[in-house]
């Protein structure tokens, strides 16, 4: 078995964090890395102890959910809260950062932004990153980078679903097969 690249490894971590998101509109995950070590992670969701979008719906003002703190900001704030320096670090994000997160990333001294999916890539955000000398690189996630343990667990759950005659269970099984493309059983 060949090892995955560092970029794929850290991008996979951002996707794992994304699975904790409480946003119904777009789940996003972010990992801050320095010297090939993860120093913080974040996902988009509500303030600690607050109401979550998955519980009461999004609180949308002028096309934006004002309840949500973006994944990149949560990761940066985690560093701030625990006194971890971000200067010369890199950030791996499931989606291209918004303009506000881009400005925070630059101010935090992040030297590279790796993202997997385009999402309303703001031209001014791109310009700011270029002016600041922050590298940008698109790193599409390779589905086979999901951890083997995760694949095994998902396959066990899918096998269990096969024993149910419930139409909802069968629909969930189909959705999981499509999402995770687990044709080969571990």
Foldseek 3Di string as FASTA:
>chain_A
DDDDDLLQLQLLVQVVQLVVELAPPDKKKKFKFDPSHTPFIFIKFADVPDDTCNRVHFDDDPRDRPRIDHGLVRRVVVCVVVVHQRAQIEMEMQEDDDQVSLVVCLVSNHQEYEYAYYDPNDPVSVVVCVVSNRHYYHDHHDLVSNDPVVLQVLLVLLVVLVVDPDPVSVVVSVVCCVVNVPPDHD
